[in-house]
Amino acid sequence: MEPLINTIKENHNIKIGVLALQGGFKEHVEMIKSIKHCFSECENKYKYSIIVEEVKSVSDIKKLNPHGMILPGGESTSMAIIASANNDGENIFTFLKEYIKQGNFVWGTCAGSIMLSNKVDGQKVGGQSLIGGLDVLVSRNYFGRQIDSFETKINLNLKYGKNNNNNNIVLLENFEAIFIRAPAILDIIDKENVEIIGDYIVTKKDGTKEKVITAVKQNNIIASVFHPELTNDNRFHKYFVQLVLNNHLTKINI
């Protein structure tokens, strides 16, 4: 299979695709648009314009040829059904599995984090199609129904490299996290390669407390169970765009 991404520098643009099958894709598009530019971290800094588009099919993705993809929140089962019935004859999930294997960055929020996980607790009868690649166990609707949705401030340790080197970690303080019928990451399967970006102490109905994981990074996969796109804070989106840019520059040896 030919590489999905053209690694030749094209007018200093970084292209982000947002999967627009269902859910909150428009909010992600607007948040990326609010960033406008990003910069290379090499000695000779380059300014990159950011192009973001909705994609609804494999042909859309091929046409855009994005350097990174965002999988939005919504209803993961519905997205899987739409993906398998796509009218261009190619399953988007199958395509995205290969896209990830080729080292391209993908970020899933809420339902997107479920689709990227290798193991899902609380699946509907018969299970559901997953993209996979993220070695975690995620629990669907861990935080309850729509009525149980809430907002809170959390701190995030944004990882730009591996092995918890402090030079590669940026603390994102007081980030507004919105949880809507949110899943939770209950366990890390690959503890060597999955890095925890954020967690949250949950007080259960019986008064006991449990720490659950809210965001992780595994190589070129990012997952967050909350909704950064529904806030006025674009710092997490800036983080993702910078990871995409750094990855692109590594591919073209800059």
C-alpha atoms as a PDB file:
ATOM      1  CA  MET A   1       0.000   0.000   0.000  1.00  0.00           C
ATOM      2  CA  GLU A   2       1.327   3.444  -0.915  1.00  0.00           C
ATOM      3  CA  PRO A   3       1.979   5.898   1.967  1.00  0.00           C
ATOM      4  CA  LEU A   4      -1.140   7.877   2.846  1.00  0.00           C
ATOM      5  CA  ILE A   5       0.702  11.105   3.527  1.00  0.00           C
ATOM      6  CA  ASN A   6       2.849  13.109   1.129  1.00  0.00           C
ATOM      7  CA  THR A   7       5.961  13.924   3.169  1.00  0.00           C
ATOM      8  CA  ILE A   8       7.118  16.693   0.811  1.00  0.00           C
ATOM      9  CA  LYS A   9       6.766  20.169   2.305  1.00  0.00           C
ATOM     10  CA  GLU A  10       3.917  22.007   0.552  1.00  0.00           C
ATOM     11  CA  ASN A  11       3.894  25.758   1.181  1.00  0.00           C
ATOM     12  CA  HIS A  12       4.363  25.190   4.907  1.00  0.00           C
ATOM     13  CA  ASN A  13       0.843  23.867   5.513  1.00  0.00           C
ATOM     14  CA  ILE A  14      -0.271  21.377   8.140  1.00  0.00           C
ATOM     15  CA  LYS A  15      -3.551  19.659   7.284  1.00  0.00           C
ATOM     16  CA  ILE A  16      -5.944  18.286   9.905  1.00  0.00           C
ATOM     17  CA  GLY A  17      -8.946  16.130   9.027  1.00  0.00           C
ATOM     18  CA  VAL A  18     -11.946  15.863  11.362  1.00  0.00           C
ATOM     19  CA  LEU A  19     -14.089  12.751  10.953  1.00  0.00           C
ATOM     20  CA  ALA A  20     -17.600  14.065  10.270  1.00  0.00           C
ATOM     21  CA  LEU A  21     -19.810  10.979  10.418  1.00  0.00           C
ATOM     22  CA  GLN A  22     -21.754  12.036  13.512  1.00  0.00           C
ATOM     23  CA  GLY A  23     -21.243  13.978  16.744  1.00  0.00           C
ATOM     24  CA  GLY A  24     -19.331  17.145  17.581  1.00  0.00           C
ATOM     25  CA  PHE A  25     -17.101  17.484  14.537  1.00  0.00           C
ATOM     26  CA  LYS A  26     -17.967  21.105  13.751  1.00  0.00           C
ATOM     27  CA  GLU A  27     -16.749  22.244  17.167  1.00  0.00           C
ATOM     28  CA  HIS A  28     -13.378  20.592  16.560  1.00  0.00           C
ATOM     29  CA  VAL A  29     -13.107  22.299  13.173  1.00  0.00           C
ATOM     30  CA  GLU A  30     -13.795  25.718  14.707  1.00  0.00           C
ATOM     31  CA  MET A  31     -11.290  25.107  17.509  1.00  0.00           C
ATOM     32  CA  ILE A  32      -8.538  24.186  15.042  1.00  0.00           C
ATOM     33  CA  LYS A  33      -9.396  27.267  12.955  1.00  0.00           C
ATOM     34  CA  SER A  34      -8.852  29.411  16.059  1.00  0.00           C
ATOM     35  CA  ILE A  35      -5.177  28.373  16.166  1.00  0.00           C
ATOM     36  CA  LYS A  36      -4.341  29.608  12.620  1.00  0.00           C
ATOM     37  CA  HIS A  37      -0.564  28.984  12.756  1.00  0.00           C
ATOM     38  CA  CYS A  38       2.011  26.748  14.370  1.00  0.00           C
ATOM     39  CA  PHE A  39       5.798  26.829  14.353  1.00  0.00           C
ATOM     40  CA  SER A  40       8.535  24.264  13.892  1.00  0.00           C
ATOM     41  CA  GLU A  41      10.812  23.764  16.899  1.00  0.00           C
ATOM     42  CA  CYS A  42      14.000  23.328  14.871  1.00  0.00           C
ATOM     43  CA  GLU A  43      16.817  25.905  14.791  1.00  0.00           C
ATOM     44  CA  ASN A  44      15.427  27.577  11.660  1.00  0.00           C
ATOM     45  CA  LYS A  45      11.825  28.087  12.674  1.00  0.00           C
ATOM     46  CA  TYR A  46       9.177  27.750   9.985  1.00  0.00           C
ATOM     47  CA  LYS A  47       5.682  29.179  10.217  1.00  0.00           C
ATOM     48  CA  TYR A  48       2.982  26.717   9.179  1.00  0.00           C
ATOM     49  CA  SER A  49      -0.583  27.612   8.248  1.00  0.00           C
ATOM     50  CA  ILE A  50      -3.192  25.161   9.477  1.00  0.00           C
ATOM     51  CA  ILE A  51      -5.775  23.753   7.093  1.00  0.00           C
ATOM     52  CA  VAL A  52      -8.696  21.870   8.639  1.00  0.00           C
ATOM     53  CA  GLU A  53     -11.556  20.110   6.846  1.00  0.00           C
ATOM     54  CA  GLU A  54     -14.411  17.762   7.621  1.00  0.00           C
ATOM     55  CA  VAL A  55     -13.997  14.300   6.078  1.00  0.00           C
ATOM     56  CA  LYS A  56     -16.844  11.820   5.653  1.00  0.00           C
ATOM     57  CA  SER A  57     -15.333   9.077   3.499  1.00  0.00           C
ATOM     58  CA  VAL A  58     -12.054   7.426   2.569  1.00  0.00           C
ATOM     59  CA  SER A  59     -12.064   9.418  -0.667  1.00  0.00           C
ATOM     60  CA  ASP A  60     -12.376  12.647   1.371  1.00  0.00           C
ATOM     61  CA  ILE A  61      -9.368  11.636   3.468  1.00  0.00           C
ATOM     62  CA  LYS A  62      -7.313  10.746   0.404  1.00  0.00           C
ATOM     63  CA  LYS A  63      -8.209  14.061  -1.239  1.00  0.00           C
ATOM     64  CA  LEU A  64      -7.236  16.119   1.820  1.00  0.00           C
ATOM     65  CA  ASN A  65      -4.179  13.943   2.573  1.00  0.00           C
ATOM     66  CA  PRO A  66      -4.103  15.102   6.227  1.00  0.00           C
ATOM     67  CA  HIS A  67      -1.075  15.053   8.498  1.00  0.00           C
ATOM     68  CA  GLY A  68      -3.356  14.320  11.465  1.00  0.00           C
ATOM     69  CA  MET A  69      -6.931  13.222  12.165  1.00  0.00           C
ATOM     70  CA  ILE A  70      -9.431  13.993  14.934  1.00  0.00           C
ATOM     71  CA  LEU A  71     -12.204  11.562  15.862  1.00  0.00           C
ATOM     72  CA  PRO A  72     -14.927  13.543  17.682  1.00  0.00           C
ATOM     73  CA  GLY A  73     -17.335  12.710  20.457  1.00  0.00           C
ATOM     74  CA  GLY A  74     -20.786  11.426  19.622  1.00  0.00           C
ATOM     75  CA  GLU A  75     -22.209   7.911  19.548  1.00  0.00           C
ATOM     76  CA  SER A  76     -19.464   5.390  18.832  1.00  0.00           C
ATOM     77  CA  THR A  77     -21.816   2.603  17.701  1.00  0.00           C
ATOM     78  CA  SER A  78     -23.585   4.910  15.253  1.00  0.00           C
ATOM     79  CA  MET A  79     -20.236   6.065  13.868  1.00  0.00           C
ATOM     80  CA  ALA A  80     -19.148   2.454  13.343  1.00  0.00           C
ATOM     81  CA  ILE A  81     -22.359   1.663  11.452  1.00  0.00           C
ATOM     82  CA  ILE A  82     -22.024   4.745   9.229  1.00  0.00           C
ATOM     83  CA  ALA A  83     -18.339   3.978   8.615  1.00  0.00           C
ATOM     84  CA  SER A  84     -19.106   0.438   7.444  1.00  0.00           C
ATOM     85  CA  ALA A  85     -21.910   1.594   5.147  1.00  0.00           C
ATOM     86  CA  ASN A  86     -19.959   4.412   3.518  1.00  0.00           C
ATOM     87  CA  ASN A  87     -21.013   4.918  -0.102  1.00  0.00           C
ATOM     88  CA  ASP A  88     -17.531   5.029  -1.655  1.00  0.00           C
ATOM     89  CA  GLY A  89     -17.095   1.310  -0.991  1.00  0.00           C
ATOM     90  CA  GLU A  90     -14.249   1.587   1.536  1.00  0.00           C
ATOM     91  CA  ASN A  91     -14.609   1.190   5.300  1.00  0.00           C
ATOM     92  CA  ILE A  92     -13.246   4.293   7.014  1.00  0.00           C
ATOM     93  CA  PHE A  93     -12.249   2.380  10.156  1.00  0.00           C
ATOM     94  CA  THR A  94     -10.190  -0.089   8.109  1.00  0.00           C
ATOM     95  CA  PHE A  95      -8.491   2.807   6.348  1.00  0.00           C
ATOM     96  CA  LEU A  96      -7.761   4.610   9.620  1.00  0.00           C
ATOM     97  CA  LYS A  97      -6.165   1.490  11.093  1.00  0.00           C
ATOM     98  CA  GLU A  98      -3.610   1.605   8.279  1.00  0.00           C
ATOM     99  CA  TYR A  99      -3.283   5.380   8.626  1.00  0.00           C
ATOM    100  CA  ILE A 100      -2.298   4.917  12.283  1.00  0.00           C
ATOM    101  CA  LYS A 101       0.095   2.063  11.509  1.00  0.00           C
ATOM    102  CA  GLN A 102       1.928   4.381   9.116  1.00  0.00           C
ATOM    103  CA  GLY A 103       2.723   6.669  12.047  1.00  0.00           C
ATOM    104  CA  ASN A 104       0.213   9.473  11.474  1.00  0.00           C
ATOM    105  CA  PHE A 105      -1.230  11.191  14.546  1.00  0.00           C
ATOM    106  CA  VAL A 106      -4.850  10.582  15.532  1.00  0.00           C
ATOM    107  CA  TRP A 107      -6.734  12.087  18.478  1.00  0.00           C
ATOM    108  CA  GLY A 108     -10.033  10.689  19.739  1.00  0.00           C
ATOM    109  CA  THR A 109     -12.307  12.576  22.159  1.00  0.00           C
ATOM    110  CA  CYS A 110     -15.028  10.806  24.190  1.00  0.00           C
ATOM    111  CA  ALA A 111     -16.582   8.395  21.641  1.00  0.00           C
ATOM    112  CA  GLY A 112     -13.411   8.787  19.590  1.00  0.00           C
ATOM    113  CA  SER A 113     -11.387   7.439  22.516  1.00  0.00           C
ATOM    114  CA  ILE A 114     -13.638   4.356  22.603  1.00  0.00           C
ATOM    115  CA  MET A 115     -13.116   3.720  18.883  1.00  0.00           C
ATOM    116  CA  LEU A 116      -9.338   3.897  19.297  1.00  0.00           C
ATOM    117  CA  SER A 117      -9.206   1.495  22.270  1.00  0.00           C
ATOM    118  CA  ASN A 118      -8.279  -2.167  21.953  1.00  0.00           C
ATOM    119  CA  LYS A 119     -10.608  -3.269  24.784  1.00  0.00           C
ATOM    120  CA  VAL A 120     -14.028  -1.850  25.673  1.00  0.00           C
ATOM    121  CA  ASP A 121     -15.998  -2.712  28.804  1.00  0.00           C
ATOM    122  CA  GLY A 122     -19.766  -2.337  28.561  1.00  0.00           C
ATOM    123  CA  GLN A 123     -20.120  -2.784  24.821  1.00  0.00           C
ATOM    124  CA  LYS A 124     -23.593  -3.187  23.430  1.00  0.00           C
ATOM    125  CA  VAL A 125     -24.832  -6.689  22.625  1.00  0.00           C
ATOM    126  CA  GLY A 126     -22.870  -8.038  19.671  1.00  0.00           C
ATOM    127  CA  GLY A 127     -20.027  -5.592  20.275  1.00  0.00           C
ATOM    128  CA  GLN A 128     -19.045  -2.846  17.879  1.00  0.00           C
ATOM    129  CA  SER A 129     -16.394  -2.172  15.287  1.00  0.00           C
ATOM    130  CA  LEU A 130     -13.292  -0.479  16.637  1.00  0.00           C
ATOM    131  CA  ILE A 131     -10.296   1.133  14.993  1.00  0.00           C
ATOM    132  CA  GLY A 132      -8.062   0.076  17.871  1.00  0.00           C
ATOM    133  CA  GLY A 133      -4.369   0.696  18.330  1.00  0.00           C
ATOM    134  CA  LEU A 134      -4.575   2.098  21.853  1.00  0.00           C
ATOM    135  CA  ASP A 135      -3.615  -0.503  24.462  1.00  0.00           C
ATOM    136  CA  VAL A 136      -6.102   0.427  27.187  1.00  0.00           C
ATOM    137  CA  LEU A 137      -9.349  -0.840  28.684  1.00  0.00           C
ATOM    138  CA  VAL A 138     -12.069   1.800  28.374  1.00  0.00           C
ATOM    139  CA  SER A 139     -15.516   1.721  29.983  1.00  0.00           C
ATOM    140  CA  ARG A 140     -18.419   3.079  27.949  1.00  0.00           C
ATOM    141  CA  ASN A 141     -20.613   5.653  29.716  1.00  0.00           C
ATOM    142  CA  TYR A 142     -18.613   5.217  32.935  1.00  0.00           C
ATOM    143  CA  PHE A 143     -19.803   8.592  34.221  1.00  0.00           C
ATOM    144  CA  GLY A 144     -23.481   7.796  33.662  1.00  0.00           C
ATOM    145  CA  ARG A 145     -26.275   9.169  31.532  1.00  0.00           C
ATOM    146  CA  GLN A 146     -26.749  12.607  29.989  1.00  0.00           C
ATOM    147  CA  ILE A 147     -28.200  13.907  33.264  1.00  0.00           C
ATOM    148  CA  ASP A 148     -24.933  13.011  35.002  1.00  0.00           C
ATOM    149  CA  SER A 149     -22.831  15.228  32.729  1.00  0.00           C
ATOM    150  CA  PHE A 150     -20.581  17.734  34.494  1.00  0.00           C
ATOM    151  CA  GLU A 151     -17.726  20.211  34.140  1.00  0.00           C
ATOM    152  CA  THR A 152     -14.617  20.433  36.271  1.00  0.00           C
ATOM    153  CA  LYS A 153     -11.077  21.844  36.263  1.00  0.00           C
ATOM    154  CA  ILE A 154      -8.258  19.350  35.763  1.00  0.00           C
ATOM    155  CA  ASN A 155      -4.494  19.451  35.291  1.00  0.00           C
ATOM    156  CA  LEU A 156      -2.913  17.702  32.316  1.00  0.00           C
ATOM    157  CA  ASN A 157       0.685  16.587  31.813  1.00  0.00           C
ATOM    158  CA  LEU A 158       1.127  17.000  28.074  1.00  0.00           C
ATOM    159  CA  LYS A 159       3.749  14.561  26.784  1.00  0.00           C
ATOM    160  CA  TYR A 160       5.800  15.568  23.754  1.00  0.00           C
ATOM    161  CA  GLY A 161       8.248  12.665  23.997  1.00  0.00           C
ATOM    162  CA  LYS A 162       8.598   9.308  25.732  1.00  0.00           C
ATOM    163  CA  ASN A 163       9.870   7.975  29.044  1.00  0.00           C
ATOM    164  CA  ASN A 164       8.542  10.841  31.198  1.00  0.00           C
ATOM    165  CA  ASN A 165      11.532  13.079  30.507  1.00  0.00           C
ATOM    166  CA  ASN A 166      10.648  16.345  32.266  1.00  0.00           C
ATOM    167  CA  ASN A 167      11.963  18.297  29.281  1.00  0.00           C
ATOM    168  CA  ASN A 168       9.205  16.735  27.186  1.00  0.00           C
ATOM    169  CA  ILE A 169       6.316  17.457  29.574  1.00  0.00           C
ATOM    170  CA  VAL A 170       4.236  20.631  29.752  1.00  0.00           C
ATOM    171  CA  LEU A 171       1.793  21.094  32.641  1.00  0.00           C
ATOM    172  CA  LEU A 172      -1.587  22.368  31.486  1.00  0.00           C
ATOM    173  CA  GLU A 173      -3.262  23.768  34.607  1.00  0.00           C
ATOM    174  CA  ASN A 174      -6.939  24.423  35.314  1.00  0.00           C
ATOM    175  CA  PHE A 175      -8.167  23.036  32.033  1.00  0.00           C
ATOM    176  CA  GLU A 176     -11.964  23.050  31.800  1.00  0.00           C
ATOM    177  CA  ALA A 177     -12.996  19.436  31.212  1.00  0.00           C
ATOM    178  CA  ILE A 178     -16.561  18.707  30.080  1.00  0.00           C
ATOM    179  CA  PHE A 179     -17.794  15.144  30.621  1.00  0.00           C
ATOM    180  CA  ILE A 180     -20.952  14.185  28.674  1.00  0.00           C
ATOM    181  CA  ARG A 181     -22.006  10.527  28.998  1.00  0.00           C
ATOM    182  CA  ALA A 182     -18.277  10.090  29.186  1.00  0.00           C
ATOM    183  CA  PRO A 183     -16.254   6.897  29.140  1.00  0.00           C
ATOM    184  CA  ALA A 184     -13.274   6.364  31.446  1.00  0.00           C
ATOM    185  CA  ILE A 185      -9.991   4.585  30.925  1.00  0.00           C
ATOM    186  CA  LEU A 186      -9.902   1.908  33.625  1.00  0.00           C
ATOM    187  CA  ASP A 187      -6.626   0.186  32.896  1.00  0.00           C
ATOM    188  CA  ILE A 188      -3.423   0.543  30.907  1.00  0.00           C
ATOM    189  CA  ILE A 189      -2.624  -2.726  29.116  1.00  0.00           C
ATOM    190  CA  ASP A 190       0.723  -1.695  27.633  1.00  0.00           C
ATOM    191  CA  LYS A 191       2.268   0.101  30.597  1.00  0.00           C
ATOM    192  CA  GLU A 192       5.573   0.612  28.808  1.00  0.00           C
ATOM    193  CA  ASN A 193       4.199   2.607  25.874  1.00  0.00           C
ATOM    194  CA  VAL A 194       0.947   4.192  27.095  1.00  0.00           C
ATOM    195  CA  GLU A 195       1.562   7.445  28.967  1.00  0.00           C
ATOM    196  CA  ILE A 196      -1.042   9.003  31.250  1.00  0.00           C
ATOM    197  CA  ILE A 197      -1.783  12.642  30.425  1.00  0.00           C
ATOM    198  CA  GLY A 198      -4.606  13.196  32.911  1.00  0.00           C
ATOM    199  CA  ASP A 199      -6.668  11.545  35.641  1.00  0.00           C
ATOM    200  CA  TYR A 200      -9.578  12.418  37.904  1.00  0.00           C
ATOM    201  CA  ILE A 201     -10.779  11.327  41.352  1.00  0.00           C
ATOM    202  CA  VAL A 202     -14.384  10.129  41.106  1.00  0.00           C
ATOM    203  CA  THR A 203     -16.668  10.100  44.143  1.00  0.00           C
ATOM    204  CA  LYS A 204     -19.104   7.232  43.679  1.00  0.00           C
ATOM    205  CA  LYS A 205     -22.698   7.135  44.882  1.00  0.00           C
ATOM    206  CA  ASP A 206     -21.686   5.018  47.873  1.00  0.00           C
ATOM    207  CA  GLY A 207     -19.170   7.668  48.925  1.00  0.00           C
ATOM    208  CA  THR A 208     -16.059   5.727  47.913  1.00  0.00           C
ATOM    209  CA  LYS A 209     -13.464   7.317  45.644  1.00  0.00           C
ATOM    210  CA  GLU A 210     -11.775   5.950  42.544  1.00  0.00           C
ATOM    211  CA  LYS A 211      -9.058   7.417  40.348  1.00  0.00           C
ATOM    212  CA  VAL A 212      -9.793   7.032  36.651  1.00  0.00           C
ATOM    213  CA  ILE A 213      -7.660   7.988  33.684  1.00  0.00           C
ATOM    214  CA  THR A 214      -9.056  10.766  31.502  1.00  0.00           C
ATOM    215  CA  ALA A 215      -6.386  11.210  28.816  1.00  0.00           C
ATOM    216  CA  VAL A 216      -3.477   9.173  27.430  1.00  0.00           C
ATOM    217  CA  LYS A 217      -0.838   9.178  24.716  1.00  0.00           C
ATOM    218  CA  GLN A 218       0.572   6.075  23.038  1.00  0.00           C
ATOM    219  CA  ASN A 219       3.114   6.945  20.367  1.00  0.00           C
ATOM    220  CA  ASN A 220       0.999   8.639  17.659  1.00  0.00           C
ATOM    221  CA  ILE A 221      -2.407   8.107  19.328  1.00  0.00           C
ATOM    222  CA  ILE A 222      -3.999  10.609  21.727  1.00  0.00           C
ATOM    223  CA  ALA A 223      -7.248   9.926  23.586  1.00  0.00           C
ATOM    224  CA  SER A 224      -9.282  12.105  25.948  1.00  0.00           C
ATOM    225  CA  VAL A 225     -12.601  11.062  27.473  1.00  0.00           C
ATOM    226  CA  PHE A 226     -13.749  14.670  27.929  1.00  0.00           C
ATOM    227  CA  HIS A 227     -14.633  17.365  25.361  1.00  0.00           C
ATOM    228  CA  PRO A 228     -11.980  20.100  24.889  1.00  0.00           C
ATOM    229  CA  GLU A 229     -13.802  21.271  21.755  1.00  0.00           C
ATOM    230  CA  LEU A 230     -16.804  22.480  23.807  1.00  0.00           C
ATOM    231  CA  THR A 231     -14.751  24.995  25.781  1.00  0.00           C
ATOM    232  CA  ASN A 232     -13.180  28.337  24.897  1.00  0.00           C
ATOM    233  CA  ASP A 233      -9.730  26.925  25.655  1.00  0.00           C
ATOM    234  CA  ASN A 234      -7.782  25.760  22.593  1.00  0.00           C
ATOM    235  CA  ARG A 235      -4.626  24.676  24.448  1.00  0.00           C
ATOM    236  CA  PHE A 236      -5.253  20.942  24.016  1.00  0.00           C
ATOM    237  CA  HIS A 237      -5.884  21.455  20.304  1.00  0.00           C
ATOM    238  CA  LYS A 238      -2.624  23.432  20.072  1.00  0.00           C
ATOM    239  CA  TYR A 239      -0.884  20.491  21.734  1.00  0.00           C
ATOM    240  CA  PHE A 240      -2.267  18.079  19.147  1.00  0.00           C
ATOM    241  CA  VAL A 241      -1.351  20.325  16.216  1.00  0.00           C
ATOM    242  CA  GLN A 242       2.202  20.700  17.545  1.00  0.00           C
ATOM    243  CA  LEU A 243       2.536  16.907  17.829  1.00  0.00           C
ATOM    244  CA  VAL A 244       1.305  16.557  14.244  1.00  0.00           C
ATOM    245  CA  LEU A 245       3.783  19.174  13.031  1.00  0.00           C
ATOM    246  CA  ASN A 246       6.708  17.645  14.953  1.00  0.00           C
ATOM    247  CA  ASN A 247       5.843  14.248  13.481  1.00  0.00           C
ATOM    248  CA  HIS A 248       5.689  15.688   9.965  1.00  0.00           C
ATOM    249  CA  LEU A 249       9.076  17.376  10.358  1.00  0.00           C
ATOM    250  CA  THR A 250      10.594  14.138  11.606  1.00  0.00           C
ATOM    251  CA  LYS A 251       9.330  12.364   8.481  1.00  0.00           C
ATOM    252  CA  ILE A 252      10.937  14.912   6.183  1.00  0.00           C
ATOM    253  CA  ASN A 253      14.122  15.079   8.289  1.00  0.00           C
ATOM    254  CA  ILE A 254      13.903  18.696   9.450  1.00  0.00           C
END
